[in-house]
C-alpha atoms as a PDB file:
ATOM      1  CA  MET A   1     152.012 121.937  44.512  1.00  0.00           C
ATOM      2  CA  ALA A   2     151.639 118.163  44.982  1.00  0.00           C
ATOM      3  CA  TRP A   3     148.872 118.916  47.508  1.00  0.00           C
ATOM      4  CA  LEU A   4     147.358 121.754  45.521  1.00  0.00           C
ATOM      5  CA  SER A   5     147.279 120.287  41.990  1.00  0.00           C
ATOM      6  CA  PRO A   6     144.661 117.551  42.639  1.00  0.00           C
ATOM      7  CA  LEU A   7     142.230 120.252  43.817  1.00  0.00           C
ATOM      8  CA  LEU A   8     143.169 123.247  41.683  1.00  0.00           C
ATOM      9  CA  TRP A   9     142.520 121.863  38.172  1.00  0.00           C
ATOM     10  CA  PRO A  10     139.151 120.178  38.932  1.00  0.00           C
ATOM     11  CA  PHE A  11     138.107 123.301  40.864  1.00  0.00           C
ATOM     12  CA  LEU A  12     138.772 125.557  37.847  1.00  0.00           C
ATOM     13  CA  ARG A  13     136.965 123.268  35.412  1.00  0.00           C
ATOM     14  CA  VAL A  14     133.879 122.848  37.606  1.00  0.00           C
ATOM     15  CA  LEU A  15     133.777 126.556  38.383  1.00  0.00           C
ATOM     16  CA  ALA A  16     133.780 127.322  34.639  1.00  0.00           C
ATOM     17  CA  VAL A  17     130.863 124.909  34.189  1.00  0.00           C
ATOM     18  CA  PHE A  18     128.938 126.709  36.949  1.00  0.00           C
ATOM     19  CA  THR A  19     129.634 130.008  35.172  1.00  0.00           C
ATOM     20  CA  SER A  20     128.194 128.980  31.802  1.00  0.00           C
ATOM     21  CA  ALA A  21     125.718 126.103  32.285  1.00  0.00           C
ATOM     22  CA  PRO A  22     121.983 126.855  32.659  1.00  0.00           C
ATOM     23  CA  VAL A  23     120.523 126.765  36.188  1.00  0.00           C
ATOM     24  CA  PHE A  24     124.036 126.993  37.673  1.00  0.00           C
ATOM     25  CA  SER A  25     124.718 130.333  36.005  1.00  0.00           C
ATOM     26  CA  MET A  26     121.501 131.986  37.143  1.00  0.00           C
ATOM     27  CA  ARG A  27     121.829 135.345  38.882  1.00  0.00           C
ATOM     28  CA  ALA A  28     119.891 133.942  41.803  1.00  0.00           C
ATOM     29  CA  PHE A  29     122.801 131.564  42.370  1.00  0.00           C
ATOM     30  CA  PRO A  30     125.256 133.655  44.503  1.00  0.00           C
ATOM     31  CA  LEU A  31     128.875 133.765  43.380  1.00  0.00           C
ATOM     32  CA  ARG A  32     130.195 132.659  46.763  1.00  0.00           C
ATOM     33  CA  THR A  33     127.925 129.654  46.635  1.00  0.00           C
ATOM     34  CA  LYS A  34     129.226 128.757  43.185  1.00  0.00           C
ATOM     35  CA  ILE A  35     132.812 128.947  44.388  1.00  0.00           C
ATOM     36  CA  GLY A  36     132.098 126.925  47.526  1.00  0.00           C
ATOM     37  CA  LEU A  37     130.121 124.303  45.664  1.00  0.00           C
ATOM     38  CA  ALA A  38     132.833 123.977  42.977  1.00  0.00           C
ATOM     39  CA  PHE A  39     135.441 123.461  45.684  1.00  0.00           C
ATOM     40  CA  LEU A  40     133.217 120.876  47.385  1.00  0.00           C
ATOM     41  CA  VAL A  41     132.764 118.973  44.083  1.00  0.00           C
ATOM     42  CA  ALA A  42     136.528 119.056  43.496  1.00  0.00           C
ATOM     43  CA  VAL A  43     137.193 117.619  46.959  1.00  0.00           C
ATOM     44  CA  CYS A  44     134.502 114.929  46.787  1.00  0.00           C
ATOM     45  CA  ALA A  45     135.588 113.829  43.290  1.00  0.00           C
ATOM     46  CA  GLN A  46     139.177 113.052  44.219  1.00  0.00           C
ATOM     47  CA  ALA A  47     138.541 109.299  44.452  1.00  0.00           C
ATOM     48  CA  ALA A  48     137.094 109.177  40.900  1.00  0.00           C
ATOM     49  CA  LEU A  49     139.647 111.444  39.175  1.00  0.00           C
ATOM     50  CA  PRO A  50     142.922 110.289  37.583  1.00  0.00           C
ATOM     51  CA  PRO A  51     146.154 111.584  39.054  1.00  0.00           C
ATOM     52  CA  GLN A  52     146.638 115.257  38.227  1.00  0.00           C
ATOM     53  CA  PRO A  53     150.004 116.563  36.952  1.00  0.00           C
ATOM     54  CA  VAL A  54     152.062 118.752  39.224  1.00  0.00           C
ATOM     55  CA  ILE A  55     152.576 122.088  37.439  1.00  0.00           C
ATOM     56  CA  ALA A  56     154.322 125.026  39.089  1.00  0.00           C
ATOM     57  CA  LEU A  57     152.130 128.125  39.160  1.00  0.00           C
ATOM     58  CA  ASP A  58     155.065 130.368  38.190  1.00  0.00           C
ATOM     59  CA  SER A  59     155.727 128.455  34.946  1.00  0.00           C
ATOM     60  CA  GLY A  60     154.380 129.013  31.438  1.00  0.00           C
ATOM     61  CA  ALA A  61     152.686 125.591  31.466  1.00  0.00           C
ATOM     62  CA  ALA A  62     150.421 126.746  34.307  1.00  0.00           C
ATOM     63  CA  ALA A  63     148.844 129.448  32.094  1.00  0.00           C
ATOM     64  CA  GLY A  64     148.116 126.859  29.431  1.00  0.00           C
ATOM     65  CA  ALA A  65     146.631 124.477  31.966  1.00  0.00           C
ATOM     66  CA  VAL A  66     144.408 127.219  33.401  1.00  0.00           C
ATOM     67  CA  LEU A  67     143.243 128.138  29.883  1.00  0.00           C
ATOM     68  CA  GLN A  68     142.452 124.520  29.147  1.00  0.00           C
ATOM     69  CA  GLN A  69     140.408 123.961  32.302  1.00  0.00           C
ATOM     70  CA  VAL A  70     138.415 127.158  31.886  1.00  0.00           C
ATOM     71  CA  GLY A  71     137.877 126.487  28.170  1.00  0.00           C
ATOM     72  CA  ILE A  72     136.662 122.939  28.628  1.00  0.00           C
ATOM     73  CA  GLY A  73     134.375 123.951  31.462  1.00  0.00           C
ATOM     74  CA  LEU A  74     132.863 126.728  29.402  1.00  0.00           C
ATOM     75  CA  MET A  75     132.334 124.293  26.494  1.00  0.00           C
ATOM     76  CA  ILE A  76     130.469 121.851  28.764  1.00  0.00           C
ATOM     77  CA  GLY A  77     128.197 124.653  29.913  1.00  0.00           C
ATOM     78  CA  PHE A  78     127.754 125.863  26.333  1.00  0.00           C
ATOM     79  CA  ALA A  79     126.774 122.359  25.176  1.00  0.00           C
ATOM     80  CA  VAL A  80     124.092 122.209  27.867  1.00  0.00           C
ATOM     81  CA  ARG A  81     122.952 125.699  26.907  1.00  0.00           C
ATOM     82  CA  LEU A  82     122.509 124.528  23.299  1.00  0.00           C
ATOM     83  CA  VAL A  83     119.921 122.012  24.513  1.00  0.00           C
ATOM     84  CA  PHE A  84     117.922 124.809  26.137  1.00  0.00           C
ATOM     85  CA  VAL A  85     118.282 126.999  23.051  1.00  0.00           C
ATOM     86  CA  ALA A  86     116.954 124.214  20.853  1.00  0.00           C
ATOM     87  CA  ILE A  87     113.732 123.893  22.832  1.00  0.00           C
ATOM     88  CA  GLU A  88     113.352 127.670  23.100  1.00  0.00           C
ATOM     89  CA  LEU A  89     113.754 127.843  19.315  1.00  0.00           C
ATOM     90  CA  ALA A  90     110.938 125.327  18.998  1.00  0.00           C
ATOM     91  CA  GLY A  91     108.850 127.653  21.195  1.00  0.00           C
ATOM     92  CA  GLU A  92     109.713 130.623  18.938  1.00  0.00           C
ATOM     93  CA  VAL A  93     108.526 128.676  15.890  1.00  0.00           C
ATOM     94  CA  VAL A  94     105.292 127.626  17.609  1.00  0.00           C
ATOM     95  CA  GLY A  95     104.712 131.198  18.835  1.00  0.00           C
ATOM     96  CA  LEU A  96     105.234 132.491  15.286  1.00  0.00           C
ATOM     97  CA  GLN A  97     102.575 130.121  13.955  1.00  0.00           C
ATOM     98  CA  MET A  98     100.187 131.059  16.778  1.00  0.00           C
ATOM     99  CA  GLY A  99     100.677 134.772  16.205  1.00  0.00           C
ATOM    100  CA  LEU A 100     102.004 135.327  19.735  1.00  0.00           C
ATOM    101  CA  ASN A 101     105.507 136.479  18.802  1.00  0.00           C
ATOM    102  CA  TYR A 102     104.363 140.055  19.294  1.00  0.00           C
ATOM    103  CA  ALA A 103     104.054 139.210  23.023  1.00  0.00           C
ATOM    104  CA  SER A 104     107.804 139.466  23.613  1.00  0.00           C
ATOM    105  CA  PHE A 105     109.710 140.920  26.519  1.00  0.00           C
ATOM    106  CA  PHE A 106     113.307 141.467  27.556  1.00  0.00           C
ATOM    107  CA  ASP A 107     115.001 138.411  29.025  1.00  0.00           C
ATOM    108  CA  PRO A 108     117.751 139.492  31.436  1.00  0.00           C
ATOM    109  CA  ALA A 109     119.262 135.989  31.441  1.00  0.00           C
ATOM    110  CA  SER A 110     120.192 136.177  27.760  1.00  0.00           C
ATOM    111  CA  ASN A 111     120.059 139.975  27.307  1.00  0.00           C
ATOM    112  CA  SER A 112     117.678 139.614  24.348  1.00  0.00           C
ATOM    113  CA  GLN A 113     114.032 139.719  23.421  1.00  0.00           C
ATOM    114  CA  SER A 114     112.140 136.441  23.757  1.00  0.00           C
ATOM    115  CA  SER A 115     108.503 135.569  23.084  1.00  0.00           C
ATOM    116  CA  ALA A 116     106.090 134.332  25.710  1.00  0.00           C
ATOM    117  CA  VAL A 117     105.892 130.836  24.187  1.00  0.00           C
ATOM    118  CA  ALA A 118     109.678 130.476  23.965  1.00  0.00           C
ATOM    119  CA  ARG A 119     110.092 131.638  27.555  1.00  0.00           C
ATOM    120  CA  PHE A 120     107.448 129.176  28.672  1.00  0.00           C
ATOM    121  CA  TYR A 121     109.247 126.340  26.908  1.00  0.00           C
ATOM    122  CA  GLY A 122     112.486 127.500  28.495  1.00  0.00           C
ATOM    123  CA  ASN A 123     111.018 127.445  32.004  1.00  0.00           C
ATOM    124  CA  ILE A 124     109.512 123.984  31.442  1.00  0.00           C
ATOM    125  CA  THR A 125     112.897 122.733  30.185  1.00  0.00           C
ATOM    126  CA  MET A 126     114.607 124.145  33.251  1.00  0.00           C
ATOM    127  CA  LEU A 127     112.145 122.312  35.530  1.00  0.00           C
ATOM    128  CA  LEU A 128     112.595 119.077  33.580  1.00  0.00           C
ATOM    129  CA  PHE A 129     116.391 119.554  33.783  1.00  0.00           C
ATOM    130  CA  VAL A 130     116.288 119.641  37.571  1.00  0.00           C
ATOM    131  CA  VAL A 131     113.628 116.927  38.011  1.00  0.00           C
ATOM    132  CA  ALA A 132     115.422 114.508  35.622  1.00  0.00           C
ATOM    133  CA  ASN A 133     118.723 115.053  37.483  1.00  0.00           C
ATOM    134  CA  GLY A 134     120.262 116.874  34.532  1.00  0.00           C
ATOM    135  CA  HIS A 135     122.515 118.747  36.919  1.00  0.00           C
ATOM    136  CA  LEU A 136     123.992 115.452  38.040  1.00  0.00           C
ATOM    137  CA  MET A 137     124.566 114.445  34.415  1.00  0.00           C
ATOM    138  CA  VAL A 138     126.472 117.688  33.881  1.00  0.00           C
ATOM    139  CA  LEU A 139     128.667 117.060  36.929  1.00  0.00           C
ATOM    140  CA  MET A 140     129.309 113.467  35.841  1.00  0.00           C
ATOM    141  CA  ALA A 141     130.300 114.657  32.357  1.00  0.00           C
ATOM    142  CA  THR A 142     132.610 117.228  33.912  1.00  0.00           C
ATOM    143  CA  LEU A 143     134.389 114.557  35.955  1.00  0.00           C
ATOM    144  CA  GLN A 144     134.540 112.154  33.010  1.00  0.00           C
ATOM    145  CA  SER A 145     136.083 114.878  30.868  1.00  0.00           C
ATOM    146  CA  PHE A 146     139.300 114.526  32.896  1.00  0.00           C
ATOM    147  CA  GLN A 147     139.766 111.118  31.311  1.00  0.00           C
ATOM    148  CA  SER A 148     138.961 112.299  27.754  1.00  0.00           C
ATOM    149  CA  PHE A 149     140.820 115.610  28.137  1.00  0.00           C
ATOM    150  CA  PRO A 150     143.499 115.307  30.843  1.00  0.00           C
ATOM    151  CA  VAL A 151     145.283 118.302  32.241  1.00  0.00           C
ATOM    152  CA  ASP A 152     148.116 118.852  29.776  1.00  0.00           C
ATOM    153  CA  GLY A 153     147.516 122.405  28.528  1.00  0.00           C
ATOM    154  CA  SER A 154     146.587 121.343  24.976  1.00  0.00           C
ATOM    155  CA  PHE A 155     143.397 123.360  24.681  1.00  0.00           C
ATOM    156  CA  LEU A 156     143.301 123.463  20.875  1.00  0.00           C
ATOM    157  CA  GLN A 157     143.626 119.685  20.713  1.00  0.00           C
ATOM    158  CA  ALA A 158     140.663 119.329  23.059  1.00  0.00           C
ATOM    159  CA  VAL A 159     138.604 121.647  20.858  1.00  0.00           C
ATOM    160  CA  GLN A 160     139.488 119.557  17.813  1.00  0.00           C
ATOM    161  CA  GLN A 161     138.418 116.302  19.546  1.00  0.00           C
ATOM    162  CA  MET A 162     135.089 117.726  20.788  1.00  0.00           C
ATOM    163  CA  GLN A 163     133.801 118.927  17.408  1.00  0.00           C
ATOM    164  CA  LEU A 164     131.145 120.997  19.165  1.00  0.00           C
ATOM    165  CA  HIS A 165     129.933 122.467  15.863  1.00  0.00           C
ATOM    166  CA  ARG A 166     128.333 119.143  14.876  1.00  0.00           C
ATOM    167  CA  LEU A 167     126.268 119.181  18.033  1.00  0.00           C
ATOM    168  CA  GLY A 168     124.951 122.628  17.138  1.00  0.00           C
ATOM    169  CA  SER A 169     123.660 121.607  13.734  1.00  0.00           C
ATOM    170  CA  GLY A 170     122.008 118.476  15.072  1.00  0.00           C
ATOM    171  CA  ILE A 171     120.350 120.292  17.975  1.00  0.00           C
ATOM    172  CA  PHE A 172     118.812 122.991  15.779  1.00  0.00           C
ATOM    173  CA  ALA A 173     117.449 120.310  13.459  1.00  0.00           C
ATOM    174  CA  SER A 174     115.945 118.626  16.515  1.00  0.00           C
ATOM    175  CA  ALA A 175     114.285 121.914  17.470  1.00  0.00           C
ATOM    176  CA  LEU A 176     112.345 121.901  14.242  1.00  0.00           C
ATOM    177  CA  TRP A 177     111.300 118.312  14.835  1.00  0.00           C
ATOM    178  CA  ILE A 178     110.017 119.239  18.302  1.00  0.00           C
ATOM    179  CA  ALA A 179     107.946 122.067  16.841  1.00  0.00           C
ATOM    180  CA  LEU A 180     106.761 120.067  13.822  1.00  0.00           C
ATOM    181  CA  PRO A 181     103.484 118.639  15.290  1.00  0.00           C
ATOM    182  CA  LEU A 182     102.228 122.028  16.418  1.00  0.00           C
ATOM    183  CA  VAL A 183     103.362 123.705  13.180  1.00  0.00           C
ATOM    184  CA  ALA A 184     101.461 121.124  11.129  1.00  0.00           C
ATOM    185  CA  LEU A 185      98.370 121.534  13.333  1.00  0.00           C
ATOM    186  CA  LEU A 186      98.378 125.305  13.072  1.00  0.00           C
ATOM    187  CA  MET A 187      98.991 125.201   9.320  1.00  0.00           C
ATOM    188  CA  PHE A 188      95.924 123.003   8.994  1.00  0.00           C
ATOM    189  CA  VAL A 189      93.936 125.523  11.067  1.00  0.00           C
ATOM    190  CA  ASN A 190      95.120 128.378   8.834  1.00  0.00           C
ATOM    191  CA  LEU A 191      94.202 126.383   5.730  1.00  0.00           C
ATOM    192  CA  THR A 192      90.745 125.774   7.170  1.00  0.00           C
ATOM    193  CA  MET A 193      90.321 129.464   7.923  1.00  0.00           C
ATOM    194  CA  GLY A 194      91.306 130.247   4.328  1.00  0.00           C
ATOM    195  CA  VAL A 195      88.683 127.868   2.957  1.00  0.00           C
ATOM    196  CA  ILE A 196      86.039 129.393   5.293  1.00  0.00           C
ATOM    197  CA  SER A 197      86.920 132.889   4.091  1.00  0.00           C
ATOM    198  CA  ARG A 198      86.381 131.799   0.488  1.00  0.00           C
ATOM    199  CA  VAL A 199      83.090 130.054   1.237  1.00  0.00           C
ATOM    200  CA  ALA A 200      81.722 132.873   3.408  1.00  0.00           C
ATOM    201  CA  PRO A 201      83.322 136.152   2.265  1.00  0.00           C
ATOM    202  CA  GLN A 202      81.045 138.199   4.522  1.00  0.00           C
ATOM    203  CA  MET A 203      82.692 136.683   7.615  1.00  0.00           C
ATOM    204  CA  ASN A 204      85.463 138.751   9.205  1.00  0.00           C
ATOM    205  CA  ILE A 205      88.142 136.086   9.157  1.00  0.00           C
ATOM    206  CA  TYR A 206      90.619 138.237  11.062  1.00  0.00           C
ATOM    207  CA  ALA A 207      88.248 138.603  14.017  1.00  0.00           C
ATOM    208  CA  VAL A 208      87.503 134.837  14.073  1.00  0.00           C
ATOM    209  CA  GLY A 209      90.806 133.331  12.966  1.00  0.00           C
ATOM    210  CA  PHE A 210      93.037 134.879  15.634  1.00  0.00           C
ATOM    211  CA  PRO A 211      91.090 133.498  18.665  1.00  0.00           C
ATOM    212  CA  VAL A 212      90.735 130.124  16.972  1.00  0.00           C
ATOM    213  CA  THR A 213      94.482 129.937  16.233  1.00  0.00           C
ATOM    214  CA  ILE A 214      95.371 130.900  19.816  1.00  0.00           C
ATOM    215  CA  THR A 215      92.920 128.347  21.260  1.00  0.00           C
ATOM    216  CA  VAL A 216      94.086 125.501  19.031  1.00  0.00           C
ATOM    217  CA  GLY A 217      97.703 126.400  19.716  1.00  0.00           C
ATOM    218  CA  LEU A 218      97.211 126.322  23.477  1.00  0.00           C
ATOM    219  CA  LEU A 219      95.390 123.000  23.238  1.00  0.00           C
ATOM    220  CA  GLY A 220      98.225 121.625  21.087  1.00  0.00           C
ATOM    221  CA  ILE A 221     100.828 122.788  23.596  1.00  0.00           C
ATOM    222  CA  THR A 222      98.831 121.129  26.397  1.00  0.00           C
ATOM    223  CA  ALA A 223      98.701 117.868  24.437  1.00  0.00           C
ATOM    224  CA  THR A 224     102.376 117.775  23.381  1.00  0.00           C
ATOM    225  CA  LEU A 225     104.014 119.169  26.525  1.00  0.00           C
ATOM    226  CA  PRO A 226     104.076 115.789  28.359  1.00  0.00           C
ATOM    227  CA  MET A 227     106.159 114.410  25.465  1.00  0.00           C
ATOM    228  CA  LEU A 228     108.885 117.051  25.831  1.00  0.00           C
ATOM    229  CA  GLU A 229     110.885 115.130  28.405  1.00  0.00           C
ATOM    230  CA  GLN A 230     112.244 112.442  26.111  1.00  0.00           C
ATOM    231  CA  PRO A 231     113.607 114.790  23.396  1.00  0.00           C
ATOM    232  CA  MET A 232     115.186 116.984  26.076  1.00  0.00           C
ATOM    233  CA  LEU A 233     116.928 114.017  27.735  1.00  0.00           C
ATOM    234  CA  THR A 234     118.093 112.670  24.354  1.00  0.00           C
ATOM    235  CA  LEU A 235     119.601 116.014  23.388  1.00  0.00           C
ATOM    236  CA  LEU A 236     121.236 116.353  26.797  1.00  0.00           C
ATOM    237  CA  GLN A 237     122.728 112.875  26.516  1.00  0.00           C
ATOM    238  CA  GLN A 238     124.131 113.706  23.075  1.00  0.00           C
ATOM    239  CA  ALA A 239     125.727 116.836  24.487  1.00  0.00           C
ATOM    240  CA  MET A 240     127.252 114.992  27.424  1.00  0.00           C
ATOM    241  CA  ASP A 241     128.600 112.144  25.247  1.00  0.00           C
ATOM    242  CA  LEU A 242     131.030 114.632  23.698  1.00  0.00           C
ATOM    243  CA  PHE A 243     132.945 114.711  26.961  1.00  0.00           C
ATOM    244  CA  ALA A 244     132.722 110.997  27.866  1.00  0.00           C
ATOM    245  CA  PRO A 245     135.801 108.756  27.608  1.00  0.00           C
ATOM    246  CA  ARG A 246     136.293 107.302  24.124  1.00  0.00           C
END
């Protein structure tokens, strides 16, 4: 167990992260590759990890330690997933204002219906996540979590220290801030269409307003999309700070 413990507990925590975090948990990522990569990360991180406790696998403490590693790993992945959900929520709000929420389809990744705009924002966020080395930030946060939450089997105490619920409220508020410029722009367009319909009642505002709203919305997305990187990195950093040493 003295040889096995330094590898077993990091391996379980990293594997749980790979099971729940975006990009790592994709179905295109084979299960054997996840297991092999988690073992490789556990081996390569030995120099940076604190000494791991030696716990016999046939004892009751081992079950608590396994529960703690899996739970903390799932929480790290869930925190990263919240960042993606926030930006997808911004896309849902924008799609609702554009009138494109009817163009929804089944998303096998989340087993739910998602609109075209929200899915587009989700794909862009995934590309930004990889390009900005977000996957490395997640691995660093996982390794740093061994200093904040050492292997002692106290899973409930770790949940109390994380306070993950505060991150959820802040992230959903940030989603509305991300969507705010386009929402304001589209509301102005709708107000303009309303004034035109009052000035020229003979004009079919439904035939004119829908193409105008779609066009303005697409132009607004094109203009604001380059500014999406900074909010995404800020939200990701806030999520990873929950697991950094205090």
